[in-house]
Protein backbone atom coordinates (compact mmCIF):
# COMPACT_ATOMS: atom_id res chain seq x y z
CA MET A 1 138.54 71.05 235.96
CA SER A 2 135.44 72.62 234.71
CA ASP A 3 135.22 76.17 233.55
CA ARG A 4 132.83 76.99 236.34
CA LYS A 5 135.31 75.92 239.00
CA LYS A 6 138.03 77.89 237.30
CA LEU A 7 135.81 80.91 237.06
CA PHE A 8 134.39 80.90 240.56
CA GLY A 9 136.92 78.75 242.30
CA ASN A 10 136.17 76.50 245.25
CA ASN A 11 134.26 79.00 247.46
CA LYS A 12 132.29 76.55 249.60
CA GLY A 13 134.80 76.53 252.45
CA LYS A 14 135.68 80.21 252.16
CA GLY A 15 132.03 81.33 252.22
CA VAL A 16 131.34 79.43 255.44
CA SER A 17 134.44 80.82 257.12
CA ARG A 18 133.48 84.36 256.11
CA ASP A 19 130.02 83.85 257.60
CA ARG A 20 131.59 82.59 260.83
CA GLU A 21 133.98 85.52 260.94
CA GLU A 22 131.09 87.94 260.43
CA GLU A 23 129.06 86.17 263.15
CA ASN A 24 132.06 86.27 265.49
CA ALA A 25 132.62 89.94 264.71
CA LEU A 26 128.93 90.69 265.30
CA MET A 27 128.95 88.73 268.57
CA LEU A 28 132.09 90.54 269.75
CA GLU A 29 130.53 93.87 268.81
CA GLN A 30 127.40 93.01 270.83
CA GLN A 31 129.52 92.00 273.82
CA ASN A 32 131.47 95.25 273.53
CA ASP A 33 128.20 97.20 273.42
CA MET A 34 126.92 95.40 276.55
CA ARG A 35 130.18 96.04 278.39
CA MET A 36 130.11 99.68 277.32
CA GLN A 37 126.58 100.02 278.71
CA GLU A 38 127.67 98.38 281.99
CA LEU A 39 130.69 100.66 282.16
CA ASP A 40 128.50 103.69 281.43
CA ALA A 41 126.14 102.69 284.27
CA LYS A 42 129.08 102.28 286.67
CA VAL A 43 130.60 105.61 285.66
CA SER A 44 127.22 107.29 286.09
CA ALA A 45 126.83 105.77 289.58
CA LEU A 46 130.36 106.88 290.49
CA LYS A 47 129.59 110.38 289.23
CA ASN A 48 126.46 110.54 291.41
CA VAL A 49 128.39 109.35 294.46
CA THR A 50 131.08 111.95 293.80
CA ILE A 51 128.46 114.70 293.47
CA ASP A 52 126.85 113.60 296.76
CA ILE A 53 130.22 113.60 298.51
CA HIS A 54 130.97 117.08 297.18
CA ARG A 55 127.58 118.32 298.38
CA ASP A 56 128.12 116.82 301.85
CA VAL A 57 131.60 118.30 302.13
CA THR A 58 130.30 121.72 301.10
CA GLU A 59 127.49 121.56 303.68
CA GLN A 60 129.90 120.48 306.42
CA HIS A 61 132.32 123.25 305.47
CA ASP A 62 129.49 125.79 305.69
CA LEU A 63 128.45 124.36 309.07
CA ILE A 64 132.01 124.63 310.38
CA ASP A 65 132.25 128.24 309.16
CA GLU A 66 128.94 129.06 310.84
CA SER A 67 130.04 127.36 314.07
CA THR A 68 133.31 129.28 314.00
CA ASN A 69 131.40 132.55 313.64
CA VAL A 70 129.05 131.64 316.52
CA PHE A 71 131.94 130.69 318.81
CA ALA A 72 133.82 133.84 317.87
CA GLY A 73 130.74 135.88 318.81
CA PHE A 74 130.43 133.93 322.05
CA GLY A 75 134.09 134.55 322.84
CA SER A 76 133.77 138.29 322.30
CA ALA A 77 130.58 138.40 324.42
CA PHE A 78 132.38 136.46 327.16
CA ASN A 79 135.34 138.84 327.04
CA ASN A 80 132.98 141.84 327.26
CA SER A 81 131.16 140.32 330.25
CA PHE A 82 134.42 139.50 331.99
CA GLY A 83 135.65 143.06 331.40
CA ARG A 84 132.45 144.47 332.88
CA LEU A 85 132.78 142.17 335.88
CA ASN A 86 136.38 143.35 336.41
CA ARG A 87 135.28 146.99 336.20
CA MET A 88 132.46 146.34 338.67
CA VAL A 89 134.73 144.61 341.17
CA SER A 90 137.41 147.29 340.88
CA THR A 91 135.72 149.74 343.25
CA ARG A 92 135.32 148.97 346.95
CA HIS A 93 131.52 149.32 347.32
CA LYS A 94 130.82 147.36 344.20
CA ARG A 95 133.18 144.66 345.42
CA GLN A 96 131.11 144.30 348.59
CA LEU A 97 127.92 144.12 346.51
CA CYS A 98 129.45 141.34 344.41
CA LEU A 99 130.42 139.47 347.59
CA TYR A 100 126.86 139.75 348.93
CA VAL A 101 125.39 138.46 345.70
CA ALA A 102 127.81 135.53 345.69
CA VAL A 103 126.92 134.63 349.30
CA ILE A 104 123.18 134.78 348.48
CA VAL A 105 123.66 132.49 345.46
CA VAL A 106 125.67 129.98 347.52
CA VAL A 107 123.07 129.98 350.32
CA PHE A 108 120.29 129.52 347.76
CA PHE A 109 121.98 126.45 346.31
CA ILE A 110 122.62 125.01 349.78
CA PHE A 111 118.93 125.38 350.69
CA TYR A 112 117.79 124.14 347.31
CA TYR A 113 119.84 120.96 347.40
CA GLY A 114 119.46 120.48 351.17
CA PHE A 115 115.67 120.73 351.17
CA GLY A 116 115.47 118.92 347.84
CA ALA A 117 117.20 115.89 349.37
CA PHE A 118 115.01 116.19 352.49
CA TRP A 119 111.78 116.34 350.50
CA SER A 120 112.75 113.48 348.20
CA SER A 121 113.64 111.18 351.14
CA SER A 122 110.50 112.06 353.15
CA SER A 123 108.16 111.62 350.17
CA SER A 124 109.50 108.11 349.51
CA GLU A 125 108.85 107.15 353.15
CA THR A 126 105.20 108.28 353.17
CA ALA A 127 104.16 106.68 349.87
CA PRO A 128 104.80 102.94 349.81
CA ILE A 129 105.56 101.51 346.43
CA LEU A 130 103.41 98.55 345.45
CA ASP A 131 104.46 96.30 342.66
CA ASP A 132 102.24 93.86 340.81
CA HIS A 133 103.41 90.86 342.84
CA SER A 134 102.38 92.34 346.19
CA ALA A 135 98.94 93.19 344.80
CA LEU A 136 98.53 89.57 343.68
CA HIS A 137 99.52 88.28 347.10
CA ASN A 138 97.03 90.59 348.80
CA ASP A 139 94.23 89.33 346.56
CA ALA A 140 95.19 85.74 347.30
CA ASP A 141 95.22 86.41 351.05
CA ILE A 142 91.70 87.81 350.88
CA LEU A 143 90.35 84.64 349.24
């Protein structure tokens, strides 16, 4: 064996394997970096979806609270109106007035719907409806 081989040893095979190991390590590091970027993009998208869901839930919660307040106000207004109606009907003369108003409203609706049906049926009788086919036949008859 020569002194050179003793000094440096047989490094041809070991140098190539080290280069391959470094290349493999570099390639694995690049793949890890790409996967980390993909994961970061997915986490970011998930975060945005979660923020949008939170915003929608908050808006719907506010809408439900507002609706509850409106219906509570409507309920108290209805109770007040019903109480006033009970007080009005409690005396005899006011009860007769309420009866007269109810009869007038019922008669109005009877006339409204009765004459409404009469006018709608009589207007359809006086105005014949022509469709495009009858107009074509009339033109053909004239020729």
